[in-house]
Amino acid sequence: MAYVDGFVLPLPKAKIEQYKEMAKLSATVWREHGALEYRECIADDVKPGKLTSFPQSVNLQDDETVVFAWIVYESRAKRDEVNDKVMKDPRLAHMMSPDGLPFDGKRMFWGGFEMMIDR
């Protein structure tokens, strides 16, 4: 069954174009190493909530927006294999440090998920 890595992060609005270029390169690298899908989405209809929300989840600031992203793999084993290759890919070396990211990596969250329904 397919496996998904999901991500949510705060992105400074002033760095959307920089992030978009990084995401395009990341998509290329992940797909070349075996990911089935690579999706990056920017908030459009995302409101603060009373108890929980995407903005609250990343402590969103006034000059930021939310990015929601996911990568699909054929299995968890394939995900582990792909991510191992991605982390060693020299094209992404500049992004593997906190200084290389156009957002606050400390407020990003992510996780791996087994596909429950796939229609």
C-alpha atoms as a PDB file:
ATOM      1  CA  MET A   1       0.000   0.000   0.000  1.00  0.00           C
ATOM      2  CA  ALA A   2       1.175   3.547  -0.721  1.00  0.00           C
ATOM      3  CA  TYR A   3       2.882   5.657   1.933  1.00  0.00           C
ATOM      4  CA  VAL A   4       2.725   9.455   2.363  1.00  0.00           C
ATOM      5  CA  ASP A   5       4.993  12.010   4.022  1.00  0.00           C
ATOM      6  CA  GLY A   6       3.061  15.166   4.944  1.00  0.00           C
ATOM      7  CA  PHE A   7       4.405  18.615   5.841  1.00  0.00           C
ATOM      8  CA  VAL A   8       3.019  21.918   7.116  1.00  0.00           C
ATOM      9  CA  LEU A   9       5.186  25.027   7.421  1.00  0.00           C
ATOM     10  CA  PRO A  10       5.040  28.809   7.810  1.00  0.00           C
ATOM     11  CA  LEU A  11       6.372  30.689   4.785  1.00  0.00           C
ATOM     12  CA  PRO A  12       7.228  34.395   4.797  1.00  0.00           C
ATOM     13  CA  LYS A  13       5.204  36.017   2.023  1.00  0.00           C
ATOM     14  CA  ALA A  14       8.345  37.860   0.889  1.00  0.00           C
ATOM     15  CA  LYS A  15      10.011  34.494   0.191  1.00  0.00           C
ATOM     16  CA  ILE A  16       7.271  32.754  -1.829  1.00  0.00           C
ATOM     17  CA  GLU A  17       9.229  32.900  -5.102  1.00  0.00           C
ATOM     18  CA  GLN A  18      12.417  31.654  -3.423  1.00  0.00           C
ATOM     19  CA  TYR A  19      10.445  28.805  -1.852  1.00  0.00           C
ATOM     20  CA  LYS A  20       8.770  27.986  -5.165  1.00  0.00           C
ATOM     21  CA  GLU A  21      12.183  27.548  -6.821  1.00  0.00           C
ATOM     22  CA  MET A  22      13.348  25.346  -3.944  1.00  0.00           C
ATOM     23  CA  ALA A  23      10.144  23.282  -4.165  1.00  0.00           C
ATOM     24  CA  LYS A  24      10.528  22.792  -7.937  1.00  0.00           C
ATOM     25  CA  LEU A  25      14.062  21.471  -7.437  1.00  0.00           C
ATOM     26  CA  SER A  26      12.925  19.299  -4.528  1.00  0.00           C
ATOM     27  CA  ALA A  27      10.108  17.848  -6.629  1.00  0.00           C
ATOM     28  CA  THR A  28      12.564  16.972  -9.391  1.00  0.00           C
ATOM     29  CA  VAL A  29      14.997  15.314  -6.985  1.00  0.00           C
ATOM     30  CA  TRP A  30      12.343  13.334  -5.058  1.00  0.00           C
ATOM     31  CA  ARG A  31      10.708  12.132  -8.287  1.00  0.00           C
ATOM     32  CA  GLU A  32      14.071  11.157  -9.833  1.00  0.00           C
ATOM     33  CA  HIS A  33      14.820   9.055  -6.756  1.00  0.00           C
ATOM     34  CA  GLY A  34      11.469   7.233  -6.870  1.00  0.00           C
ATOM     35  CA  ALA A  35       8.664   9.269  -5.284  1.00  0.00           C
ATOM     36  CA  LEU A  36       5.367   8.742  -7.112  1.00  0.00           C
ATOM     37  CA  GLU A  37       3.942  12.219  -6.414  1.00  0.00           C
ATOM     38  CA  TYR A  38       5.250  15.477  -4.980  1.00  0.00           C
ATOM     39  CA  ARG A  39       2.740  18.202  -4.118  1.00  0.00           C
ATOM     40  CA  GLU A  40       3.217  21.664  -2.567  1.00  0.00           C
ATOM     41  CA  CYS A  41       0.181  23.840  -1.811  1.00  0.00           C
ATOM     42  CA  ILE A  42      -0.061  27.411  -0.543  1.00  0.00           C
ATOM     43  CA  ALA A  43      -2.874  28.555   1.746  1.00  0.00           C
ATOM     44  CA  ASP A  44      -5.935  30.011   0.043  1.00  0.00           C
ATOM     45  CA  ASP A  45      -8.878  29.408   2.385  1.00  0.00           C
ATOM     46  CA  VAL A  46      -7.169  28.843   5.734  1.00  0.00           C
ATOM     47  CA  LYS A  47      -8.645  30.655   8.705  1.00  0.00           C
ATOM     48  CA  PRO A  48      -7.461  30.765  12.320  1.00  0.00           C
ATOM     49  CA  GLY A  49      -9.516  28.537  14.566  1.00  0.00           C
ATOM     50  CA  LYS A  50     -10.662  28.695  18.155  1.00  0.00           C
ATOM     51  CA  LEU A  51      -8.946  25.463  19.203  1.00  0.00           C
ATOM     52  CA  THR A  52      -6.928  24.275  16.217  1.00  0.00           C
ATOM     53  CA  SER A  53      -6.077  25.425  12.698  1.00  0.00           C
ATOM     54  CA  PHE A  54      -3.269  25.428  10.178  1.00  0.00           C
ATOM     55  CA  PRO A  55      -2.228  28.970  11.203  1.00  0.00           C
ATOM     56  CA  GLN A  56      -2.147  28.016  14.881  1.00  0.00           C
ATOM     57  CA  SER A  57      -0.219  24.837  14.165  1.00  0.00           C
ATOM     58  CA  VAL A  58       2.798  26.805  12.895  1.00  0.00           C
ATOM     59  CA  ASN A  59       2.370  29.922  15.060  1.00  0.00           C
ATOM     60  CA  LEU A  60       1.705  31.912  11.880  1.00  0.00           C
ATOM     61  CA  GLN A  61       2.862  35.545  11.865  1.00  0.00           C
ATOM     62  CA  ASP A  62       1.129  38.401   9.987  1.00  0.00           C
ATOM     63  CA  ASP A  63       3.710  38.424   7.185  1.00  0.00           C
ATOM     64  CA  GLU A  64       3.503  34.644   6.573  1.00  0.00           C
ATOM     65  CA  THR A  65       1.322  32.107   4.828  1.00  0.00           C
ATOM     66  CA  VAL A  66       0.938  28.348   5.295  1.00  0.00           C
ATOM     67  CA  VAL A  67       2.340  25.666   2.998  1.00  0.00           C
ATOM     68  CA  PHE A  68       0.833  22.182   3.036  1.00  0.00           C
ATOM     69  CA  ALA A  69       2.770  19.525   1.141  1.00  0.00           C
ATOM     70  CA  TRP A  70       2.930  15.790   0.658  1.00  0.00           C
ATOM     71  CA  ILE A  71       4.997  13.163  -1.115  1.00  0.00           C
ATOM     72  CA  VAL A  72       3.609   9.774  -2.137  1.00  0.00           C
ATOM     73  CA  TYR A  73       5.702   6.597  -2.287  1.00  0.00           C
ATOM     74  CA  GLU A  74       4.807   3.028  -3.218  1.00  0.00           C
ATOM     75  CA  SER A  75       5.543   1.832   0.358  1.00  0.00           C
ATOM     76  CA  ARG A  76       7.250   2.830   3.600  1.00  0.00           C
ATOM     77  CA  ALA A  77      10.310   0.812   2.607  1.00  0.00           C
ATOM     78  CA  LYS A  78      10.460   2.693  -0.705  1.00  0.00           C
ATOM     79  CA  ARG A  79      10.045   6.000   1.182  1.00  0.00           C
ATOM     80  CA  ASP A  80      12.992   5.173   3.410  1.00  0.00           C
ATOM     81  CA  GLU A  81      15.075   4.241   0.346  1.00  0.00           C
ATOM     82  CA  VAL A  82      14.090   7.409  -1.564  1.00  0.00           C
ATOM     83  CA  ASN A  83      14.687   9.723   1.398  1.00  0.00           C
ATOM     84  CA  ASP A  84      18.121   8.197   2.005  1.00  0.00           C
ATOM     85  CA  LYS A  85      19.074   9.026  -1.598  1.00  0.00           C
ATOM     86  CA  VAL A  86      17.521  12.501  -1.415  1.00  0.00           C
ATOM     87  CA  MET A  87      19.449  13.393   1.744  1.00  0.00           C
ATOM     88  CA  LYS A  88      22.693  12.538  -0.064  1.00  0.00           C
ATOM     89  CA  ASP A  89      21.815  14.373  -3.299  1.00  0.00           C
ATOM     90  CA  PRO A  90      24.268  17.281  -3.751  1.00  0.00           C
ATOM     91  CA  ARG A  91      21.597  19.419  -5.453  1.00  0.00           C
ATOM     92  CA  LEU A  92      19.816  19.763  -2.105  1.00  0.00           C
ATOM     93  CA  ALA A  93      22.875  20.092   0.150  1.00  0.00           C
ATOM     94  CA  HIS A  94      22.280  23.831   0.693  1.00  0.00           C
ATOM     95  CA  MET A  95      18.782  23.094   2.049  1.00  0.00           C
ATOM     96  CA  MET A  96      19.879  20.520   4.606  1.00  0.00           C
ATOM     97  CA  SER A  97      20.872  23.190   7.128  1.00  0.00           C
ATOM     98  CA  PRO A  98      18.528  25.613   8.922  1.00  0.00           C
ATOM     99  CA  ASP A  99      20.306  28.539   7.232  1.00  0.00           C
ATOM    100  CA  GLY A 100      19.430  27.135   3.802  1.00  0.00           C
ATOM    101  CA  LEU A 101      15.665  27.236   4.293  1.00  0.00           C
ATOM    102  CA  PRO A 102      13.518  30.257   3.330  1.00  0.00           C
ATOM    103  CA  PHE A 103      11.257  29.600   6.355  1.00  0.00           C
ATOM    104  CA  ASP A 104      11.557  28.875  10.073  1.00  0.00           C
ATOM    105  CA  GLY A 105      12.207  25.129  10.144  1.00  0.00           C
ATOM    106  CA  LYS A 106      11.554  25.019  13.893  1.00  0.00           C
ATOM    107  CA  ARG A 107       7.859  25.711  13.237  1.00  0.00           C
ATOM    108  CA  MET A 108       7.521  23.143  10.456  1.00  0.00           C
ATOM    109  CA  PHE A 109       5.963  19.798  11.281  1.00  0.00           C
ATOM    110  CA  TRP A 110       5.811  16.552   9.346  1.00  0.00           C
ATOM    111  CA  GLY A 111       5.089  12.881   9.603  1.00  0.00           C
ATOM    112  CA  GLY A 112       4.742   9.629   7.696  1.00  0.00           C
ATOM    113  CA  PHE A 113       1.338   8.068   7.077  1.00  0.00           C
ATOM    114  CA  GLU A 114       0.094   4.728   5.830  1.00  0.00           C
ATOM    115  CA  MET A 115      -2.539   5.104   3.135  1.00  0.00           C
ATOM    116  CA  MET A 116      -5.913   4.151   4.587  1.00  0.00           C
ATOM    117  CA  ILE A 117      -8.191   4.928   1.605  1.00  0.00           C
ATOM    118  CA  ASP A 118      -7.010   5.559  -1.950  1.00  0.00           C
ATOM    119  CA  ARG A 119      -9.705   6.060  -4.576  1.00  0.00           C
END
